[in-house]
Amino acid sequence: MSQGTIYIFPQSPRSFWIHQIISDLNLDITIKDNKSEEFGELFPLKKCPAFIDSTGFKLTETPVIYKYLVSLAENSTFGGVGAKEEASVAQWLNFTNQDFSDPIAAIVYICKDEESTEKNKQKAIGYFEYVNNTLADKKWLVGNQITIADIYLFKCFKGFSDFVGGVAHLPNIVRWMGDVETEKPIYKALY
């Protein structure tokens, strides 16, 4: 029996790898795009991604949906182990979804002048440096194993690092990205 349906905006970085996570976690979830006839009726705010299960339980907001998908997988530690790790995973999901994504989205979609582009670029570079420093003495963002937080940030870095000059000069991020690709090769492809 299907575990639910997830509606995505296929061009959005918040949606374009959902099929990989569903496959990796071996979930039975249907993926539809936001142009599906029923989407607007089910989700009047039309936020993507959006999830509904067979009982009518609904979720929006990317970090919450990712945490919920992980919770559906049997015996998964992908969401962290114990309350502290689970909270840290949630913190990193929110960082990726909001703090990191805001200046990148501004650069890619909003900024029309050089000054605002440069301001957002510097903000994003600061976030890359923060993550690089965080990874200086650990392999993963949270705990001793890869989590959904690593995957989400990895996908965003992989897709958008070129907008700020790449990550080759950030050795901890380079190592970590290689570790993610080795541990979870399903996520190597951007989409």
C-alpha atoms as a PDB file:
ATOM      1  CA  MET A   1       0.000   0.000   0.000  1.00  0.00           C
ATOM      2  CA  SER A   2       1.283   3.439  -0.909  1.00  0.00           C
ATOM      3  CA  GLN A   3       2.694   5.504   1.926  1.00  0.00           C
ATOM      4  CA  GLY A   4       1.485   8.677   0.268  1.00  0.00           C
ATOM      5  CA  THR A   5       2.011  11.204  -2.487  1.00  0.00           C
ATOM      6  CA  ILE A   6       4.523  14.007  -2.650  1.00  0.00           C
ATOM      7  CA  TYR A   7       3.998  17.013  -4.910  1.00  0.00           C
ATOM      8  CA  ILE A   8       7.067  18.807  -6.184  1.00  0.00           C
ATOM      9  CA  PHE A   9       8.066  21.795  -8.247  1.00  0.00           C
ATOM     10  CA  PRO A  10      10.557  19.887 -10.441  1.00  0.00           C
ATOM     11  CA  GLN A  11      12.869  22.859 -11.058  1.00  0.00           C
ATOM     12  CA  SER A  12      13.256  23.690  -7.372  1.00  0.00           C
ATOM     13  CA  PRO A  13      16.411  22.683  -5.501  1.00  0.00           C
ATOM     14  CA  ARG A  14      14.107  21.788  -2.631  1.00  0.00           C
ATOM     15  CA  SER A  15      12.430  19.172  -4.816  1.00  0.00           C
ATOM     16  CA  PHE A  16      14.746  17.961  -7.527  1.00  0.00           C
ATOM     17  CA  TRP A  17      16.268  15.047  -5.631  1.00  0.00           C
ATOM     18  CA  ILE A  18      13.233  13.725  -3.780  1.00  0.00           C
ATOM     19  CA  HIS A  19      13.051  10.678  -6.056  1.00  0.00           C
ATOM     20  CA  GLN A  20      16.565   9.739  -4.892  1.00  0.00           C
ATOM     21  CA  ILE A  21      15.700   9.904  -1.186  1.00  0.00           C
ATOM     22  CA  ILE A  22      12.499   7.921  -1.711  1.00  0.00           C
ATOM     23  CA  SER A  23      14.435   5.255  -3.610  1.00  0.00           C
ATOM     24  CA  ASP A  24      17.294   5.188  -1.081  1.00  0.00           C
ATOM     25  CA  LEU A  25      14.874   4.733   1.821  1.00  0.00           C
ATOM     26  CA  ASN A  26      12.854   2.142  -0.131  1.00  0.00           C
ATOM     27  CA  LEU A  27       9.583   4.018   0.348  1.00  0.00           C
ATOM     28  CA  ASP A  28       6.384   3.498  -1.619  1.00  0.00           C
ATOM     29  CA  ILE A  29       5.539   7.120  -2.338  1.00  0.00           C
ATOM     30  CA  THR A  30       4.091   8.523  -5.535  1.00  0.00           C
ATOM     31  CA  ILE A  31       5.732  11.665  -6.907  1.00  0.00           C
ATOM     32  CA  LYS A  32       3.624  14.188  -8.814  1.00  0.00           C
ATOM     33  CA  ASP A  33       4.398  17.684  -9.952  1.00  0.00           C
ATOM     34  CA  ASN A  34       2.647  20.807  -8.764  1.00  0.00           C
ATOM     35  CA  LYS A  35       0.643  21.022 -11.981  1.00  0.00           C
ATOM     36  CA  SER A  36      -1.403  17.966 -10.982  1.00  0.00           C
ATOM     37  CA  GLU A  37      -5.100  18.775 -11.015  1.00  0.00           C
ATOM     38  CA  GLU A  38      -5.696  17.969  -7.345  1.00  0.00           C
ATOM     39  CA  PHE A  39      -2.634  19.787  -5.984  1.00  0.00           C
ATOM     40  CA  GLY A  40      -4.268  23.212  -5.521  1.00  0.00           C
ATOM     41  CA  GLU A  41      -7.326  21.664  -3.896  1.00  0.00           C
ATOM     42  CA  LEU A  42      -5.240  19.654  -1.431  1.00  0.00           C
ATOM     43  CA  PHE A  43      -2.720  22.427  -0.742  1.00  0.00           C
ATOM     44  CA  PRO A  44      -4.333  25.875  -1.211  1.00  0.00           C
ATOM     45  CA  LEU A  45      -1.053  27.698  -0.441  1.00  0.00           C
ATOM     46  CA  LYS A  46       0.551  25.698  -3.283  1.00  0.00           C
ATOM     47  CA  LYS A  47       3.842  25.266  -1.412  1.00  0.00           C
ATOM     48  CA  CYS A  48       6.240  22.624  -2.706  1.00  0.00           C
ATOM     49  CA  PRO A  49       7.207  20.081  -1.767  1.00  0.00           C
ATOM     50  CA  ALA A  50       3.947  18.956  -0.201  1.00  0.00           C
ATOM     51  CA  PHE A  51       3.099  15.505   1.155  1.00  0.00           C
ATOM     52  CA  ILE A  52      -0.185  13.724   1.840  1.00  0.00           C
ATOM     53  CA  ASP A  53      -0.592  10.178   3.096  1.00  0.00           C
ATOM     54  CA  SER A  54      -3.488   7.766   2.587  1.00  0.00           C
ATOM     55  CA  THR A  55      -5.246   9.016   5.751  1.00  0.00           C
ATOM     56  CA  GLY A  56      -5.181  12.646   4.599  1.00  0.00           C
ATOM     57  CA  PHE A  57      -2.273  13.668   6.848  1.00  0.00           C
ATOM     58  CA  LYS A  58      -0.548  16.614   5.142  1.00  0.00           C
ATOM     59  CA  LEU A  59       2.856  18.250   5.435  1.00  0.00           C
ATOM     60  CA  THR A  60       4.593  21.145   3.746  1.00  0.00           C
ATOM     61  CA  GLU A  61       8.030  22.654   4.440  1.00  0.00           C
ATOM     62  CA  THR A  62      11.058  20.844   3.077  1.00  0.00           C
ATOM     63  CA  PRO A  63      12.913  20.036   6.327  1.00  0.00           C
ATOM     64  CA  VAL A  64       9.785  18.627   7.957  1.00  0.00           C
ATOM     65  CA  ILE A  65       8.988  16.458   4.938  1.00  0.00           C
ATOM     66  CA  TYR A  66      12.533  15.075   4.790  1.00  0.00           C
ATOM     67  CA  LYS A  67      12.471  14.222   8.504  1.00  0.00           C
ATOM     68  CA  TYR A  68       9.087  12.552   8.065  1.00  0.00           C
ATOM     69  CA  LEU A  69      10.257  10.507   5.062  1.00  0.00           C
ATOM     70  CA  VAL A  70      13.224   9.284   7.101  1.00  0.00           C
ATOM     71  CA  SER A  71      10.862   8.298   9.927  1.00  0.00           C
ATOM     72  CA  LEU A  72       8.896   6.093   7.508  1.00  0.00           C
ATOM     73  CA  ALA A  73      11.961   3.999   6.657  1.00  0.00           C
ATOM     74  CA  GLU A  74      12.415   0.863   8.739  1.00  0.00           C
ATOM     75  CA  ASN A  75      15.396   0.903  11.108  1.00  0.00           C
ATOM     76  CA  SER A  76      16.785   4.073   9.565  1.00  0.00           C
ATOM     77  CA  THR A  77      19.390   6.130  11.390  1.00  0.00           C
ATOM     78  CA  PHE A  78      19.316   8.657   8.560  1.00  0.00           C
ATOM     79  CA  GLY A  79      17.537  11.168  10.795  1.00  0.00           C
ATOM     80  CA  GLY A  80      20.020  10.847  13.654  1.00  0.00           C
ATOM     81  CA  VAL A  81      20.104   8.599  16.711  1.00  0.00           C
ATOM     82  CA  GLY A  82      18.633   9.956  19.926  1.00  0.00           C
ATOM     83  CA  ALA A  83      17.091  13.303  20.748  1.00  0.00           C
ATOM     84  CA  LYS A  84      20.277  15.387  20.447  1.00  0.00           C
ATOM     85  CA  GLU A  85      21.249  14.028  17.034  1.00  0.00           C
ATOM     86  CA  GLU A  86      17.675  14.309  15.768  1.00  0.00           C
ATOM     87  CA  ALA A  87      17.579  17.947  16.898  1.00  0.00           C
ATOM     88  CA  SER A  88      20.962  18.614  15.267  1.00  0.00           C
ATOM     89  CA  VAL A  89      19.763  17.046  12.013  1.00  0.00           C
ATOM     90  CA  ALA A  90      16.691  19.306  12.122  1.00  0.00           C
ATOM     91  CA  GLN A  91      18.946  22.311  12.761  1.00  0.00           C
ATOM     92  CA  TRP A  92      21.120  21.505   9.719  1.00  0.00           C
ATOM     93  CA  LEU A  93      18.076  20.887   7.528  1.00  0.00           C
ATOM     94  CA  ASN A  94      16.753  24.313   8.500  1.00  0.00           C
ATOM     95  CA  PHE A  95      20.164  25.930   7.952  1.00  0.00           C
ATOM     96  CA  THR A  96      20.327  24.459   4.452  1.00  0.00           C
ATOM     97  CA  ASN A  97      16.740  25.274   3.593  1.00  0.00           C
ATOM     98  CA  GLN A  98      16.792  28.850   4.842  1.00  0.00           C
ATOM     99  CA  ASP A  99      20.124  30.421   5.763  1.00  0.00           C
ATOM    100  CA  PHE A 100      22.177  28.870   2.974  1.00  0.00           C
ATOM    101  CA  SER A 101      19.450  28.869   0.332  1.00  0.00           C
ATOM    102  CA  ASP A 102      18.379  32.505   0.716  1.00  0.00           C
ATOM    103  CA  PRO A 103      21.528  34.190  -0.658  1.00  0.00           C
ATOM    104  CA  ILE A 104      21.920  31.531  -3.359  1.00  0.00           C
ATOM    105  CA  ALA A 105      18.309  32.013  -4.478  1.00  0.00           C
ATOM    106  CA  ALA A 106      18.866  35.767  -4.516  1.00  0.00           C
ATOM    107  CA  ILE A 107      21.949  35.377  -6.735  1.00  0.00           C
ATOM    108  CA  VAL A 108      20.282  32.940  -9.120  1.00  0.00           C
ATOM    109  CA  TYR A 109      16.740  34.294  -9.325  1.00  0.00           C
ATOM    110  CA  ILE A 110      16.406  37.785  -7.846  1.00  0.00           C
ATOM    111  CA  CYS A 111      19.485  40.025  -7.992  1.00  0.00           C
ATOM    112  CA  LYS A 112      19.512  42.378 -10.952  1.00  0.00           C
ATOM    113  CA  ASP A 113      22.485  44.537 -10.031  1.00  0.00           C
ATOM    114  CA  GLU A 114      26.130  43.877  -9.239  1.00  0.00           C
ATOM    115  CA  GLU A 115      25.996  45.308  -5.710  1.00  0.00           C
ATOM    116  CA  SER A 116      23.199  43.051  -4.433  1.00  0.00           C
ATOM    117  CA  THR A 117      24.691  40.053  -6.246  1.00  0.00           C
ATOM    118  CA  GLU A 118      28.056  40.636  -4.550  1.00  0.00           C
ATOM    119  CA  LYS A 119      26.427  41.152  -1.135  1.00  0.00           C
ATOM    120  CA  ASN A 120      24.596  37.825  -1.407  1.00  0.00           C
ATOM    121  CA  LYS A 121      27.675  36.099  -2.799  1.00  0.00           C
ATOM    122  CA  GLN A 122      29.696  37.180   0.250  1.00  0.00           C
ATOM    123  CA  LYS A 123      26.948  35.959   2.562  1.00  0.00           C
ATOM    124  CA  ALA A 124      26.913  32.561   0.821  1.00  0.00           C
ATOM    125  CA  ILE A 125      30.715  32.359   0.937  1.00  0.00           C
ATOM    126  CA  GLY A 126      30.489  32.941   4.696  1.00  0.00           C
ATOM    127  CA  TYR A 127      28.146  29.965   4.977  1.00  0.00           C
ATOM    128  CA  PHE A 128      30.487  27.769   2.930  1.00  0.00           C
ATOM    129  CA  GLU A 129      33.354  28.779   5.232  1.00  0.00           C
ATOM    130  CA  TYR A 130      31.214  28.070   8.310  1.00  0.00           C
ATOM    131  CA  VAL A 131      30.490  24.549   7.072  1.00  0.00           C
ATOM    132  CA  ASN A 132      34.145  24.031   6.144  1.00  0.00           C
ATOM    133  CA  ASN A 133      35.170  24.999   9.699  1.00  0.00           C
ATOM    134  CA  THR A 134      32.455  22.808  11.207  1.00  0.00           C
ATOM    135  CA  LEU A 135      33.778  19.799   9.289  1.00  0.00           C
ATOM    136  CA  ALA A 136      37.397  20.408  10.369  1.00  0.00           C
ATOM    137  CA  ASP A 137      37.280  17.780  13.104  1.00  0.00           C
ATOM    138  CA  LYS A 138      34.455  15.489  12.052  1.00  0.00           C
ATOM    139  CA  LYS A 139      33.414  13.361   9.109  1.00  0.00           C
ATOM    140  CA  TRP A 140      29.678  14.140   9.102  1.00  0.00           C
ATOM    141  CA  LEU A 141      27.575  17.128  10.091  1.00  0.00           C
ATOM    142  CA  VAL A 142      25.871  15.176  12.890  1.00  0.00           C
ATOM    143  CA  GLY A 143      27.120  12.160  14.808  1.00  0.00           C
ATOM    144  CA  ASN A 144      29.209   9.315  13.449  1.00  0.00           C
ATOM    145  CA  GLN A 145      27.205   8.461  10.350  1.00  0.00           C
ATOM    146  CA  ILE A 146      25.732  10.119   7.315  1.00  0.00           C
ATOM    147  CA  THR A 147      22.297  11.684   7.783  1.00  0.00           C
ATOM    148  CA  ILE A 148      19.675  13.387   5.678  1.00  0.00           C
ATOM    149  CA  ALA A 149      21.288  16.680   6.771  1.00  0.00           C
ATOM    150  CA  ASP A 150      24.510  15.717   4.964  1.00  0.00           C
ATOM    151  CA  ILE A 151      22.589  14.754   1.844  1.00  0.00           C
ATOM    152  CA  TYR A 152      20.483  17.921   1.661  1.00  0.00           C
ATOM    153  CA  LEU A 153      23.454  20.235   2.168  1.00  0.00           C
ATOM    154  CA  PHE A 154      25.573  18.146  -0.228  1.00  0.00           C
ATOM    155  CA  LYS A 155      22.928  18.447  -2.966  1.00  0.00           C
ATOM    156  CA  CYS A 156      22.732  22.218  -2.487  1.00  0.00           C
ATOM    157  CA  PHE A 157      26.513  22.620  -2.475  1.00  0.00           C
ATOM    158  CA  LYS A 158      26.849  20.423  -5.551  1.00  0.00           C
ATOM    159  CA  GLY A 159      24.212  22.392  -7.425  1.00  0.00           C
ATOM    160  CA  PHE A 160      25.157  25.917  -6.438  1.00  0.00           C
ATOM    161  CA  SER A 161      28.809  26.176  -5.383  1.00  0.00           C
ATOM    162  CA  ASP A 162      29.817  27.459  -8.822  1.00  0.00           C
ATOM    163  CA  PHE A 163      27.842  30.656  -8.179  1.00  0.00           C
ATOM    164  CA  VAL A 164      30.355  31.586  -5.466  1.00  0.00           C
ATOM    165  CA  GLY A 165      33.563  30.336  -7.067  1.00  0.00           C
ATOM    166  CA  GLY A 166      33.385  26.657  -6.173  1.00  0.00           C
ATOM    167  CA  VAL A 167      34.648  24.746  -3.135  1.00  0.00           C
ATOM    168  CA  ALA A 168      38.097  23.548  -4.270  1.00  0.00           C
ATOM    169  CA  HIS A 169      39.741  25.924  -1.765  1.00  0.00           C
ATOM    170  CA  LEU A 170      37.705  24.471   1.138  1.00  0.00           C
ATOM    171  CA  PRO A 171      39.434  21.163   1.956  1.00  0.00           C
ATOM    172  CA  ASN A 172      37.003  19.928   4.592  1.00  0.00           C
ATOM    173  CA  ILE A 173      34.035  20.403   2.273  1.00  0.00           C
ATOM    174  CA  VAL A 174      35.904  18.700  -0.585  1.00  0.00           C
ATOM    175  CA  ARG A 175      36.675  15.704   1.674  1.00  0.00           C
ATOM    176  CA  TRP A 176      33.128  15.593   3.039  1.00  0.00           C
ATOM    177  CA  MET A 177      31.570  15.748  -0.439  1.00  0.00           C
ATOM    178  CA  GLY A 178      33.775  12.829  -1.483  1.00  0.00           C
ATOM    179  CA  ASP A 179      32.697  10.919   1.630  1.00  0.00           C
ATOM    180  CA  VAL A 180      29.018  11.542   0.826  1.00  0.00           C
ATOM    181  CA  GLU A 181      29.481  10.279  -2.739  1.00  0.00           C
ATOM    182  CA  THR A 182      31.326   7.184  -1.484  1.00  0.00           C
ATOM    183  CA  GLU A 183      28.822   6.410   1.280  1.00  0.00           C
ATOM    184  CA  LYS A 184      25.685   7.127  -0.767  1.00  0.00           C
ATOM    185  CA  PRO A 185      26.517   6.945  -4.501  1.00  0.00           C
ATOM    186  CA  ILE A 186      22.813   7.277  -5.385  1.00  0.00           C
ATOM    187  CA  TYR A 187      23.174  11.011  -4.655  1.00  0.00           C
ATOM    188  CA  LYS A 188      26.115  11.662  -7.026  1.00  0.00           C
ATOM    189  CA  ALA A 189      23.770  12.751  -9.806  1.00  0.00           C
ATOM    190  CA  LEU A 190      22.463  16.248  -9.253  1.00  0.00           C
ATOM    191  CA  TYR A 191      18.912  15.365 -10.280  1.00  0.00           C
END
